[in-house]
Amino acid sequence: MKHLEEKILKEGLVLSDQVLKVDSFLNHQIDPFLVKEMGEEFAKRFQNESITKVLTLESSGIAPAVMTALELKVPAIFARKNKSLTLSENVYLSEVYSFTKREKSTIYVSKKYLNESDRVLIIDDFLANGQAACALLDIVKQAGAHLVGIGIVIEKAFQNGGSLLRKQNIRVESLVRIQSLENGKVRFHEEALL
């Protein structure tokens, strides 16, 4: 997505050779027009998969997941990081480690909203080491649902998450793949995936 690449170059902040800050349009403040484009692109890429649910992790994955679900005309579900009083005991749960927050948390999805009849598309904002994706995959497996693929807004191709998932024959579609953040500069991965 050329528009997304341009936005990253214009507004993204490289905090280190591992961390890209995009909170001006995705992780804190949201550019709804750009996120709508993201949803349209994910929906186009997965249009023939008979998706019944879009699954993400709170909170930064919610906006692109909702826009994707809107385009696909299906519900969006987000795994919660905190179990509230209104979330019953009847839940799927998994553990996820956040590299940027340097903490482990338990995520929850109500069994009421995900089951074996679902065809699930996972959407998330970043793919780095694959921890969030693996936790969401675990939830899909617990539900007995069918995973159709994973849509990622920004993949850090220099980290192992993408290759880890692709080695498991999981379809991963990234809107942008970053090859490097070295020397404070964003370099995009230009190779097409086979």
Protein backbone atom coordinates (compact mmCIF):
# COMPACT_ATOMS: atom_id res chain seq x y z
CA MET A 1 0.00 0.00 0.00
CA LYS A 2 1.75 3.08 -1.28
CA HIS A 3 -0.34 5.48 0.83
CA LEU A 4 0.62 3.60 4.00
CA GLU A 5 4.31 3.63 3.06
CA GLU A 6 4.13 7.39 2.47
CA LYS A 7 2.42 7.92 5.83
CA ILE A 8 5.10 5.87 7.61
CA LEU A 9 7.88 7.88 5.96
CA LYS A 10 6.18 11.21 6.73
CA GLU A 11 4.87 10.60 10.27
CA GLY A 12 6.51 7.42 11.60
CA LEU A 13 9.23 7.82 14.19
CA VAL A 14 12.08 5.33 14.35
CA LEU A 15 12.85 4.99 18.05
CA SER A 16 15.48 2.26 17.63
CA ASP A 17 16.54 -0.36 15.11
CA GLN A 18 13.64 -2.48 16.48
CA VAL A 19 10.85 0.03 17.20
CA LEU A 20 8.76 2.16 14.85
CA LYS A 21 6.27 4.58 16.42
CA VAL A 22 3.13 5.19 14.33
CA ASP A 23 0.86 6.61 16.99
CA SER A 24 -0.02 9.70 14.93
CA PHE A 25 -2.16 7.61 12.57
CA LEU A 26 -2.60 4.05 13.91
CA ASN A 27 -1.73 3.36 17.55
CA HIS A 28 -3.05 6.38 19.43
CA GLN A 29 -4.56 8.85 17.01
CA ILE A 30 -6.25 7.10 14.07
CA ASP A 31 -6.41 8.30 10.49
CA PRO A 32 -9.86 6.90 9.62
CA PHE A 33 -9.41 7.40 5.88
CA LEU A 34 -6.16 5.44 5.83
CA VAL A 35 -7.58 2.72 8.09
CA LYS A 36 -10.61 2.45 5.79
CA GLU A 37 -8.20 1.86 2.88
CA MET A 38 -6.50 -0.84 4.94
CA GLY A 39 -9.82 -2.58 5.54
CA GLU A 40 -10.66 -2.42 1.85
CA GLU A 41 -7.27 -3.90 0.93
CA PHE A 42 -7.51 -6.75 3.45
CA ALA A 43 -11.07 -7.50 2.30
CA LYS A 44 -9.90 -7.60 -1.32
CA ARG A 45 -7.00 -9.94 -0.55
CA PHE A 46 -9.23 -12.36 1.40
CA GLN A 47 -12.49 -11.88 -0.51
CA ASN A 48 -12.80 -15.52 -1.65
CA GLU A 49 -12.32 -17.10 1.78
CA SER A 50 -15.92 -17.09 3.09
CA ILE A 51 -14.81 -15.38 6.29
CA THR A 52 -17.35 -15.30 9.12
CA LYS A 53 -15.32 -13.45 11.81
CA VAL A 54 -12.40 -11.04 12.00
CA LEU A 55 -10.31 -11.47 15.16
CA THR A 56 -7.79 -9.07 16.65
CA LEU A 57 -6.14 -8.13 19.92
CA GLU A 58 -6.93 -4.94 21.81
CA SER A 59 -6.20 -2.21 21.30
CA SER A 60 -4.20 -1.18 18.22
CA GLY A 61 -5.60 -3.95 16.03
CA ILE A 62 -9.21 -2.90 16.58
CA ALA A 63 -9.43 -0.09 14.02
CA PRO A 64 -8.06 -2.07 11.03
CA ALA A 65 -10.01 -5.17 12.12
CA VAL A 66 -13.30 -3.26 12.32
CA MET A 67 -12.77 -1.68 8.90
CA THR A 68 -11.92 -5.08 7.42
CA ALA A 69 -14.99 -6.64 9.03
CA LEU A 70 -17.13 -3.80 7.71
CA GLU A 71 -15.91 -4.45 4.16
CA LEU A 72 -16.43 -8.22 4.56
CA LYS A 73 -19.84 -7.65 6.24
CA VAL A 74 -18.99 -9.86 9.23
CA PRO A 75 -18.51 -9.24 12.98
CA ALA A 76 -15.17 -8.20 14.44
CA ILE A 77 -14.02 -9.71 17.74
CA PHE A 78 -11.19 -8.40 19.85
CA ALA A 79 -9.36 -10.44 22.43
CA ARG A 80 -9.40 -8.54 25.69
CA LYS A 81 -6.26 -8.07 27.76
CA ASN A 82 -8.19 -7.67 30.99
CA LYS A 83 -10.99 -9.87 32.19
CA SER A 84 -13.84 -7.59 33.19
CA LEU A 85 -16.76 -8.40 35.48
CA THR A 86 -19.02 -8.70 32.43
CA LEU A 87 -16.82 -11.32 30.76
CA SER A 88 -18.07 -14.66 32.06
CA GLU A 89 -15.96 -17.67 32.95
CA ASN A 90 -16.89 -19.25 29.62
CA VAL A 91 -13.82 -17.96 27.75
CA TYR A 92 -10.88 -19.02 25.63
CA LEU A 93 -7.62 -17.67 27.02
CA SER A 94 -4.02 -17.51 25.92
CA GLU A 95 -0.78 -15.82 26.96
CA VAL A 96 0.95 -13.11 24.94
CA TYR A 97 4.24 -11.31 25.47
CA SER A 98 4.48 -7.68 24.31
CA PHE A 99 7.95 -6.73 23.10
CA THR A 100 7.24 -2.98 23.22
CA LYS A 101 5.63 -3.09 26.68
CA ARG A 102 7.97 -5.82 27.93
CA GLU A 103 5.18 -7.63 29.73
CA LYS A 104 3.21 -10.82 29.54
CA SER A 105 -0.57 -10.76 29.66
CA THR A 106 -3.48 -13.13 29.39
CA ILE A 107 -5.98 -12.49 26.61
CA TYR A 108 -9.62 -13.54 26.63
CA VAL A 109 -12.34 -14.19 24.05
CA SER A 110 -15.85 -15.21 25.01
CA LYS A 111 -16.83 -18.66 23.73
CA LYS A 112 -20.16 -17.10 22.80
CA TYR A 113 -18.58 -15.31 19.83
CA LEU A 114 -16.21 -17.89 18.31
CA ASN A 115 -16.83 -21.56 17.53
CA GLU A 116 -16.05 -24.45 15.19
CA SER A 117 -18.33 -23.17 12.43
CA ASP A 118 -16.31 -19.95 12.04
CA ARG A 119 -13.82 -19.11 9.31
CA VAL A 120 -11.51 -16.60 10.94
CA LEU A 121 -9.27 -13.85 9.60
CA ILE A 122 -6.82 -12.47 12.14
CA ILE A 123 -5.89 -8.79 11.72
CA ASP A 124 -3.21 -6.96 13.68
CA ASP A 125 -1.25 -3.73 13.47
CA PHE A 126 2.30 -5.10 13.73
CA LEU A 127 4.03 -8.43 13.16
CA ALA A 128 7.47 -8.62 14.77
CA ASN A 129 8.27 -11.81 16.67
CA GLY A 130 4.80 -13.28 16.18
CA GLN A 131 3.80 -13.45 19.84
CA ALA A 132 0.42 -11.75 19.43
CA ALA A 133 -0.37 -13.74 16.29
CA CYS A 134 0.50 -17.02 18.02
CA ALA A 135 -1.75 -16.18 20.98
CA LEU A 136 -4.64 -15.40 18.61
CA LEU A 137 -3.92 -18.62 16.68
CA ASP A 138 -4.16 -20.50 19.96
CA ILE A 139 -7.62 -18.97 20.58
CA VAL A 140 -8.77 -19.99 17.08
CA LYS A 141 -7.52 -23.56 17.68
CA GLN A 142 -9.26 -23.75 21.07
CA ALA A 143 -12.51 -22.72 19.37
CA GLY A 144 -12.07 -25.41 16.70
CA ALA A 145 -12.52 -22.66 14.10
CA HIS A 146 -10.81 -22.55 10.70
CA LEU A 147 -8.06 -19.96 10.22
CA VAL A 148 -8.11 -18.51 6.70
CA GLY A 149 -5.11 -16.24 7.22
CA ILE A 150 -3.53 -13.31 8.97
CA GLY A 151 -3.59 -9.72 7.79
CA ILE A 152 -0.86 -7.44 9.12
CA VAL A 153 -0.68 -3.68 8.69
CA ILE A 154 3.10 -3.40 9.22
CA GLU A 155 5.42 -6.41 9.22
CA LYS A 156 8.94 -6.05 10.52
CA ALA A 157 10.46 -8.45 8.00
CA PHE A 158 13.82 -8.29 9.80
CA GLN A 159 12.28 -10.09 12.79
CA ASN A 160 11.24 -13.74 12.74
CA GLY A 161 7.44 -13.57 13.21
CA GLY A 162 6.55 -13.65 9.51
CA SER A 163 8.83 -16.56 8.68
CA LEU A 164 7.67 -18.44 11.79
CA LEU A 165 4.04 -18.22 10.65
CA ARG A 166 4.74 -18.89 6.97
CA LYS A 167 6.74 -22.03 7.86
CA GLN A 168 3.49 -23.33 9.40
CA ASN A 169 1.80 -22.79 5.99
CA ILE A 170 -0.23 -19.90 7.37
CA ARG A 171 -1.21 -17.31 4.81
CA VAL A 172 0.18 -13.96 5.95
CA GLU A 173 -0.72 -10.82 4.01
CA SER A 174 1.16 -7.69 5.08
CA LEU A 175 0.24 -4.28 3.71
CA VAL A 176 3.78 -3.04 4.29
CA ARG A 177 6.95 -5.02 5.01
CA ILE A 178 9.86 -3.19 6.61
CA GLN A 179 13.32 -4.56 5.86
CA SER A 180 15.23 -2.36 8.28
CA LEU A 181 14.99 0.47 10.81
CA GLU A 182 18.76 0.86 11.08
CA ASN A 183 20.33 4.31 11.42
CA GLY A 184 16.92 5.87 12.10
CA LYS A 185 15.72 5.20 8.54
CA VAL A 186 12.77 3.09 7.37
CA ARG A 187 13.70 0.78 4.50
CA PHE A 188 10.84 -1.17 2.93
CA HIS A 189 11.10 -4.79 1.81
CA GLU A 190 10.64 -4.74 -1.95
CA GLU A 191 10.64 -8.47 -2.68
CA ALA A 192 7.32 -10.07 -3.56
CA LEU A 193 6.41 -13.04 -1.40
CA LEU A 194 6.17 -16.36 -3.18
